[in-house]
Amino acid sequence: MPTYSYVCKDCEHAFEIFQSFSDAALTSCPKCSGELRKQFGNLGVTFKGSGFYRTDSQSGSASSSD
């Protein structure tokens, strides 16, 4: 699931939350119930982890040319 960043317009409370693509955007601050705005970085989605394909960043090669 993608991670989204939000900031409250009233109290400036910032937080990240995991949400599905189909989930509605949050609108209310969990601290003060103020209005939230979604923060956008260089990427709209952040992928965190060691890799998404088994062949990513593997050292060496399984096949060699003879």
PDB file of N, CA and C in Angstrom:
ATOM      1  N   MET A   1       0.832  -1.179   0.000  1.00  0.00           N
ATOM      2  CA  MET A   1       0.000   0.000   0.000  1.00  0.00           C
ATOM      3  C   MET A   1       0.879   1.245   0.000  1.00  0.00           C
ATOM      4  N   PRO A   2       0.461   2.261  -0.702  1.00  0.00           N
ATOM      5  CA  PRO A   2       1.252   3.491  -0.749  1.00  0.00           C
ATOM      6  C   PRO A   2       1.162   4.293   0.554  1.00  0.00           C
ATOM      7  N   THR A   3       2.181   5.084   0.800  1.00  0.00           N
ATOM      8  CA  THR A   3       2.240   5.960   1.964  1.00  0.00           C
ATOM      9  C   THR A   3       1.947   7.384   1.524  1.00  0.00           C
ATOM     10  N   TYR A   4       1.011   8.038   2.208  1.00  0.00           N
ATOM     11  CA  TYR A   4       0.662   9.421   1.898  1.00  0.00           C
ATOM     12  C   TYR A   4       1.021  10.307   3.084  1.00  0.00           C
ATOM     13  N   SER A   5       1.459  11.526   2.805  1.00  0.00           N
ATOM     14  CA  SER A   5       1.800  12.499   3.843  1.00  0.00           C
ATOM     15  C   SER A   5       0.744  13.579   3.891  1.00  0.00           C
ATOM     16  N   TYR A   6       0.342  13.933   5.111  1.00  0.00           N
ATOM     17  CA  TYR A   6      -0.648  14.975   5.327  1.00  0.00           C
ATOM     18  C   TYR A   6      -0.097  15.998   6.311  1.00  0.00           C
ATOM     19  N   VAL A   7      -0.560  17.260   6.185  1.00  0.00           N
ATOM     20  CA  VAL A   7      -0.228  18.334   7.125  1.00  0.00           C
ATOM     21  C   VAL A   7      -1.508  19.088   7.429  1.00  0.00           C
ATOM     22  N   CYS A   8      -1.709  19.392   8.714  1.00  0.00           N
ATOM     23  CA  CYS A   8      -2.884  20.155   9.129  1.00  0.00           C
ATOM     24  C   CYS A   8      -2.656  21.630   8.823  1.00  0.00           C
ATOM     25  N   LYS A   9      -3.653  22.274   8.254  1.00  0.00           N
ATOM     26  CA  LYS A   9      -3.557  23.699   7.939  1.00  0.00           C
ATOM     27  C   LYS A   9      -3.642  24.563   9.196  1.00  0.00           C
ATOM     28  N   ASP A  10      -4.240  24.041  10.269  1.00  0.00           N
ATOM     29  CA  ASP A  10      -4.429  24.818  11.493  1.00  0.00           C
ATOM     30  C   ASP A  10      -3.263  24.652  12.479  1.00  0.00           C
ATOM     31  N   CYS A  11      -2.988  23.408  12.886  1.00  0.00           N
ATOM     32  CA  CYS A  11      -1.959  23.179  13.912  1.00  0.00           C
ATOM     33  C   CYS A  11      -0.624  22.718  13.340  1.00  0.00           C
ATOM     34  N   GLU A  12      -0.532  22.512  12.025  1.00  0.00           N
ATOM     35  CA  GLU A  12       0.681  22.084  11.311  1.00  0.00           C
ATOM     36  C   GLU A  12       1.182  20.698  11.743  1.00  0.00           C
ATOM     37  N   HIS A  13       0.288  19.890  12.307  1.00  0.00           N
ATOM     38  CA  HIS A  13       0.631  18.501  12.642  1.00  0.00           C
ATOM     39  C   HIS A  13       0.860  17.739  11.334  1.00  0.00           C
ATOM     40  N   ALA A  14       2.024  17.093  11.209  1.00  0.00           N
ATOM     41  CA  ALA A  14       2.366  16.339   9.999  1.00  0.00           C
ATOM     42  C   ALA A  14       2.444  14.857  10.338  1.00  0.00           C
ATOM     43  N   PHE A  15       1.945  14.017   9.435  1.00  0.00           N
ATOM     44  CA  PHE A  15       1.988  12.574   9.642  1.00  0.00           C
ATOM     45  C   PHE A  15       1.885  11.853   8.311  1.00  0.00           C
ATOM     46  N   GLU A  16       2.273  10.567   8.333  1.00  0.00           N
ATOM     47  CA  GLU A  16       2.166   9.699   7.162  1.00  0.00           C
ATOM     48  C   GLU A  16       1.187   8.589   7.488  1.00  0.00           C
ATOM     49  N   ILE A  17       0.498   8.101   6.459  1.00  0.00           N
ATOM     50  CA  ILE A  17      -0.471   7.024   6.654  1.00  0.00           C
ATOM     51  C   ILE A  17      -0.472   6.119   5.424  1.00  0.00           C
ATOM     52  N   PHE A  18      -0.627   4.817   5.661  1.00  0.00           N
ATOM     53  CA  PHE A  18      -0.762   3.851   4.572  1.00  0.00           C
ATOM     54  C   PHE A  18      -2.219   3.836   4.157  1.00  0.00           C
ATOM     55  N   GLN A  19      -2.473   4.068   2.868  1.00  0.00           N
ATOM     56  CA  GLN A  19      -3.833   4.044   2.340  1.00  0.00           C
ATOM     57  C   GLN A  19      -3.849   3.329   1.007  1.00  0.00           C
ATOM     58  N   SER A  20      -4.934   2.635   0.749  1.00  0.00           N
ATOM     59  CA  SER A  20      -5.141   1.996  -0.541  1.00  0.00           C
ATOM     60  C   SER A  20      -5.464   3.071  -1.572  1.00  0.00           C
ATOM     61  N   PHE A  21      -5.233   2.765  -2.838  1.00  0.00           N
ATOM     62  CA  PHE A  21      -5.559   3.710  -3.905  1.00  0.00           C
ATOM     63  C   PHE A  21      -7.049   4.035  -3.914  1.00  0.00           C
ATOM     64  N   SER A  22      -7.872   3.091  -3.487  1.00  0.00           N
ATOM     65  CA  SER A  22      -9.321   3.284  -3.526  1.00  0.00           C
ATOM     66  C   SER A  22      -9.864   4.023  -2.296  1.00  0.00           C
ATOM     67  N   ASP A  23      -9.033   4.224  -1.246  1.00  0.00           N
ATOM     68  CA  ASP A  23      -9.472   4.942  -0.049  1.00  0.00           C
ATOM     69  C   ASP A  23      -9.621   6.431  -0.340  1.00  0.00           C
ATOM     70  N   ALA A  24     -10.603   7.052   0.311  1.00  0.00           N
ATOM     71  CA  ALA A  24     -10.794   8.493   0.179  1.00  0.00           C
ATOM     72  C   ALA A  24      -9.693   9.227   0.947  1.00  0.00           C
ATOM     73  N   ALA A  25      -9.318  10.411   0.483  1.00  0.00           N
ATOM     74  CA  ALA A  25      -8.304  11.222   1.145  1.00  0.00           C
ATOM     75  C   ALA A  25      -8.829  11.677   2.508  1.00  0.00           C
ATOM     76  N   LEU A  26      -7.924  11.785   3.470  1.00  0.00           N
ATOM     77  CA  LEU A  26      -8.311  12.256   4.794  1.00  0.00           C
ATOM     78  C   LEU A  26      -8.586  13.761   4.736  1.00  0.00           C
ATOM     79  N   THR A  27      -9.524  14.232   5.548  1.00  0.00           N
ATOM     80  CA  THR A  27      -9.890  15.646   5.534  1.00  0.00           C
ATOM     81  C   THR A  27      -9.812  16.294   6.909  1.00  0.00           C
ATOM     82  N   SER A  28      -9.762  15.494   7.984  1.00  0.00           N
ATOM     83  CA  SER A  28      -9.803  16.027   9.344  1.00  0.00           C
ATOM     84  C   SER A  28      -8.559  15.617  10.130  1.00  0.00           C
ATOM     85  N   CYS A  29      -7.921  16.581  10.782  1.00  0.00           N
ATOM     86  CA  CYS A  29      -6.719  16.340  11.576  1.00  0.00           C
ATOM     87  C   CYS A  29      -7.058  15.491  12.802  1.00  0.00           C
ATOM     88  N   PRO A  30      -6.254  14.450  13.087  1.00  0.00           N
ATOM     89  CA  PRO A  30      -6.528  13.612  14.257  1.00  0.00           C
ATOM     90  C   PRO A  30      -6.254  14.327  15.585  1.00  0.00           C
ATOM     91  N   LYS A  31      -5.484  15.426  15.563  1.00  0.00           N
ATOM     92  CA  LYS A  31      -5.165  16.156  16.803  1.00  0.00           C
ATOM     93  C   LYS A  31      -6.177  17.253  17.109  1.00  0.00           C
ATOM     94  N   CYS A  32      -6.466  18.102  16.115  1.00  0.00           N
ATOM     95  CA  CYS A  32      -7.295  19.278  16.389  1.00  0.00           C
ATOM     96  C   CYS A  32      -8.574  19.333  15.563  1.00  0.00           C
ATOM     97  N   SER A  33      -8.797  18.351  14.713  1.00  0.00           N
ATOM     98  CA  SER A  33      -9.958  18.293  13.805  1.00  0.00           C
ATOM     99  C   SER A  33      -9.951  19.393  12.755  1.00  0.00           C
ATOM    100  N   GLY A  34      -8.785  19.999  12.544  1.00  0.00           N
ATOM    101  CA  GLY A  34      -8.645  21.025  11.515  1.00  0.00           C
ATOM    102  C   GLY A  34      -8.591  20.411  10.126  1.00  0.00           C
ATOM    103  N   GLU A  35      -8.505  21.262   9.112  1.00  0.00           N
ATOM    104  CA  GLU A  35      -8.478  20.824   7.717  1.00  0.00           C
ATOM    105  C   GLU A  35      -7.083  20.336   7.336  1.00  0.00           C
ATOM    106  N   LEU A  36      -7.025  19.202   6.641  1.00  0.00           N
ATOM    107  CA  LEU A  36      -5.756  18.620   6.195  1.00  0.00           C
ATOM    108  C   LEU A  36      -5.486  18.954   4.743  1.00  0.00           C
ATOM    109  N   ARG A  37      -4.209  18.966   4.407  1.00  0.00           N
ATOM    110  CA  ARG A  37      -3.809  19.033   2.998  1.00  0.00           C
ATOM    111  C   ARG A  37      -2.796  17.917   2.761  1.00  0.00           C
ATOM    112  N   LYS A  38      -2.880  17.317   1.600  1.00  0.00           N
ATOM    113  CA  LYS A  38      -1.973  16.235   1.242  1.00  0.00           C
ATOM    114  C   LYS A  38      -0.679  16.837   0.717  1.00  0.00           C
ATOM    115  N   GLN A  39       0.449  16.326   1.172  1.00  0.00           N
ATOM    116  CA  GLN A  39       1.745  16.787   0.695  1.00  0.00           C
ATOM    117  C   GLN A  39       2.196  15.897  -0.448  1.00  0.00           C
ATOM    118  N   PHE A  40       2.743  16.520  -1.463  1.00  0.00           N
ATOM    119  CA  PHE A  40       3.263  15.781  -2.607  1.00  0.00           C
ATOM    120  C   PHE A  40       4.754  16.037  -2.722  1.00  0.00           C
ATOM    121  N   GLY A  41       5.516  14.973  -2.857  1.00  0.00           N
ATOM    122  CA  GLY A  41       6.951  15.087  -3.056  1.00  0.00           C
ATOM    123  C   GLY A  41       7.261  14.901  -4.531  1.00  0.00           C
ATOM    124  N   ASN A  42       8.465  14.444  -4.809  1.00  0.00           N
ATOM    125  CA  ASN A  42       8.861  14.175  -6.188  1.00  0.00           C
ATOM    126  C   ASN A  42       8.059  13.025  -6.783  1.00  0.00           C
ATOM    127  N   LEU A  43       7.718  12.083  -5.923  1.00  0.00           N
ATOM    128  CA  LEU A  43       6.912  10.945  -6.338  1.00  0.00           C
ATOM    129  C   LEU A  43       5.601  10.964  -5.572  1.00  0.00           C
ATOM    130  N   GLY A  44       4.524  10.602  -6.225  1.00  0.00           N
ATOM    131  CA  GLY A  44       3.243  10.524  -5.547  1.00  0.00           C
ATOM    132  C   GLY A  44       3.134   9.312  -4.645  1.00  0.00           C
ATOM    133  N   VAL A  45       3.972   8.307  -4.917  1.00  0.00           N
ATOM    134  CA  VAL A  45       3.940   7.067  -4.153  1.00  0.00           C
ATOM    135  C   VAL A  45       5.357   6.748  -3.720  1.00  0.00           C
ATOM    136  N   THR A  46       5.523   6.309  -2.498  1.00  0.00           N
ATOM    137  CA  THR A  46       6.829   5.912  -1.993  1.00  0.00           C
ATOM    138  C   THR A  46       6.857   4.405  -1.833  1.00  0.00           C
ATOM    139  N   PHE A  47       7.806   3.757  -2.496  1.00  0.00           N
ATOM    140  CA  PHE A  47       7.977   2.312  -2.364  1.00  0.00           C
ATOM    141  C   PHE A  47       9.121   2.073  -1.394  1.00  0.00           C
ATOM    142  N   LYS A  48       8.833   1.417  -0.285  1.00  0.00           N
ATOM    143  CA  LYS A  48       9.856   1.121   0.708  1.00  0.00           C
ATOM    144  C   LYS A  48      10.014  -0.382   0.804  1.00  0.00           C
ATOM    145  N   GLY A  49      11.248  -0.837   0.866  1.00  0.00           N
ATOM    146  CA  GLY A  49      11.490  -2.268   0.997  1.00  0.00           C
ATOM    147  C   GLY A  49      12.764  -2.662   0.291  1.00  0.00           C
ATOM    148  N   SER A  50      13.051  -3.937   0.300  1.00  0.00           N
ATOM    149  CA  SER A  50      14.309  -4.423  -0.256  1.00  0.00           C
ATOM    150  C   SER A  50      14.238  -4.660  -1.760  1.00  0.00           C
ATOM    151  N   GLY A  51      13.069  -4.659  -2.351  1.00  0.00           N
ATOM    152  CA  GLY A  51      12.969  -4.865  -3.785  1.00  0.00           C
ATOM    153  C   GLY A  51      11.616  -5.419  -4.158  1.00  0.00           C
ATOM    154  N   PHE A  52      11.273  -5.295  -5.398  1.00  0.00           N
ATOM    155  CA  PHE A  52       9.965  -5.731  -5.844  1.00  0.00           C
ATOM    156  C   PHE A  52      10.058  -6.894  -6.824  1.00  0.00           C
ATOM    157  N   TYR A  53      11.243  -7.159  -7.318  1.00  0.00           N
ATOM    158  CA  TYR A  53      11.455  -8.292  -8.208  1.00  0.00           C
ATOM    159  C   TYR A  53      12.618  -9.110  -7.669  1.00  0.00           C
ATOM    160  N   ARG A  54      12.546 -10.386  -7.840  1.00  0.00           N
ATOM    161  CA  ARG A  54      13.590 -11.264  -7.318  1.00  0.00           C
ATOM    162  C   ARG A  54      14.950 -10.938  -7.941  1.00  0.00           C
ATOM    163  N   THR A  55      14.962 -10.471  -9.176  1.00  0.00           N
ATOM    164  CA  THR A  55      16.215 -10.211  -9.880  1.00  0.00           C
ATOM    165  C   THR A  55      16.789  -8.824  -9.599  1.00  0.00           C
ATOM    166  N   ASP A  56      16.090  -7.979  -8.851  1.00  0.00           N
ATOM    167  CA  ASP A  56      16.603  -6.643  -8.529  1.00  0.00           C
ATOM    168  C   ASP A  56      17.848  -6.734  -7.657  1.00  0.00           C
ATOM    169  N   SER A  57      18.869  -6.019  -8.037  1.00  0.00           N
ATOM    170  CA  SER A  57      20.093  -5.855  -7.241  1.00  0.00           C
ATOM    171  C   SER A  57      20.767  -7.164  -6.855  1.00  0.00           C
ATOM    172  N   GLN A  58      20.628  -8.182  -7.665  1.00  0.00           N
ATOM    173  CA  GLN A  58      21.333  -9.422  -7.377  1.00  0.00           C
ATOM    174  C   GLN A  58      22.745  -9.318  -7.924  1.00  0.00           C
ATOM    175  N   SER A  59      23.695  -9.806  -7.157  1.00  0.00           N
ATOM    176  CA  SER A  59      25.082  -9.793  -7.629  1.00  0.00           C
ATOM    177  C   SER A  59      25.346 -11.065  -8.434  1.00  0.00           C
ATOM    178  N   GLY A  60      26.163 -10.932  -9.446  1.00  0.00           N
ATOM    179  CA  GLY A  60      26.494 -12.095 -10.270  1.00  0.00           C
ATOM    180  C   GLY A  60      25.419 -12.380 -11.296  1.00  0.00           C
ATOM    181  N   SER A  61      25.634 -13.401 -12.059  1.00  0.00           N
ATOM    182  CA  SER A  61      24.682 -13.793 -13.088  1.00  0.00           C
ATOM    183  C   SER A  61      24.465 -15.290 -13.045  1.00  0.00           C
ATOM    184  N   ALA A  62      23.238 -15.709 -13.214  1.00  0.00           N
ATOM    185  CA  ALA A  62      22.919 -17.136 -13.164  1.00  0.00           C
ATOM    186  C   ALA A  62      23.368 -17.842 -14.427  1.00  0.00           C
ATOM    187  N   SER A  63      23.390 -17.139 -15.533  1.00  0.00           N
ATOM    188  CA  SER A  63      23.805 -17.757 -16.790  1.00  0.00           C
ATOM    189  C   SER A  63      25.105 -17.124 -17.276  1.00  0.00           C
ATOM    190  N   SER A  64      25.923 -17.901 -17.880  1.00  0.00           N
ATOM    191  CA  SER A  64      27.171 -17.353 -18.428  1.00  0.00           C
ATOM    192  C   SER A  64      27.264 -17.747 -19.890  1.00  0.00           C
ATOM    193  N   SER A  65      27.856 -16.867 -20.661  1.00  0.00           N
ATOM    194  CA  SER A  65      27.997 -17.170 -22.094  1.00  0.00           C
ATOM    195  C   SER A  65      29.298 -17.916 -22.324  1.00  0.00           C
ATOM    196  N   ASP A  66      29.239 -19.052 -22.977  1.00  0.00           N
ATOM    197  CA  ASP A  66      30.415 -19.884 -23.284  1.00  0.00           C
ATOM    198  C   ASP A  66      30.696 -19.850 -24.748  1.00  0.00           C
TER     199      ASP A  66
END
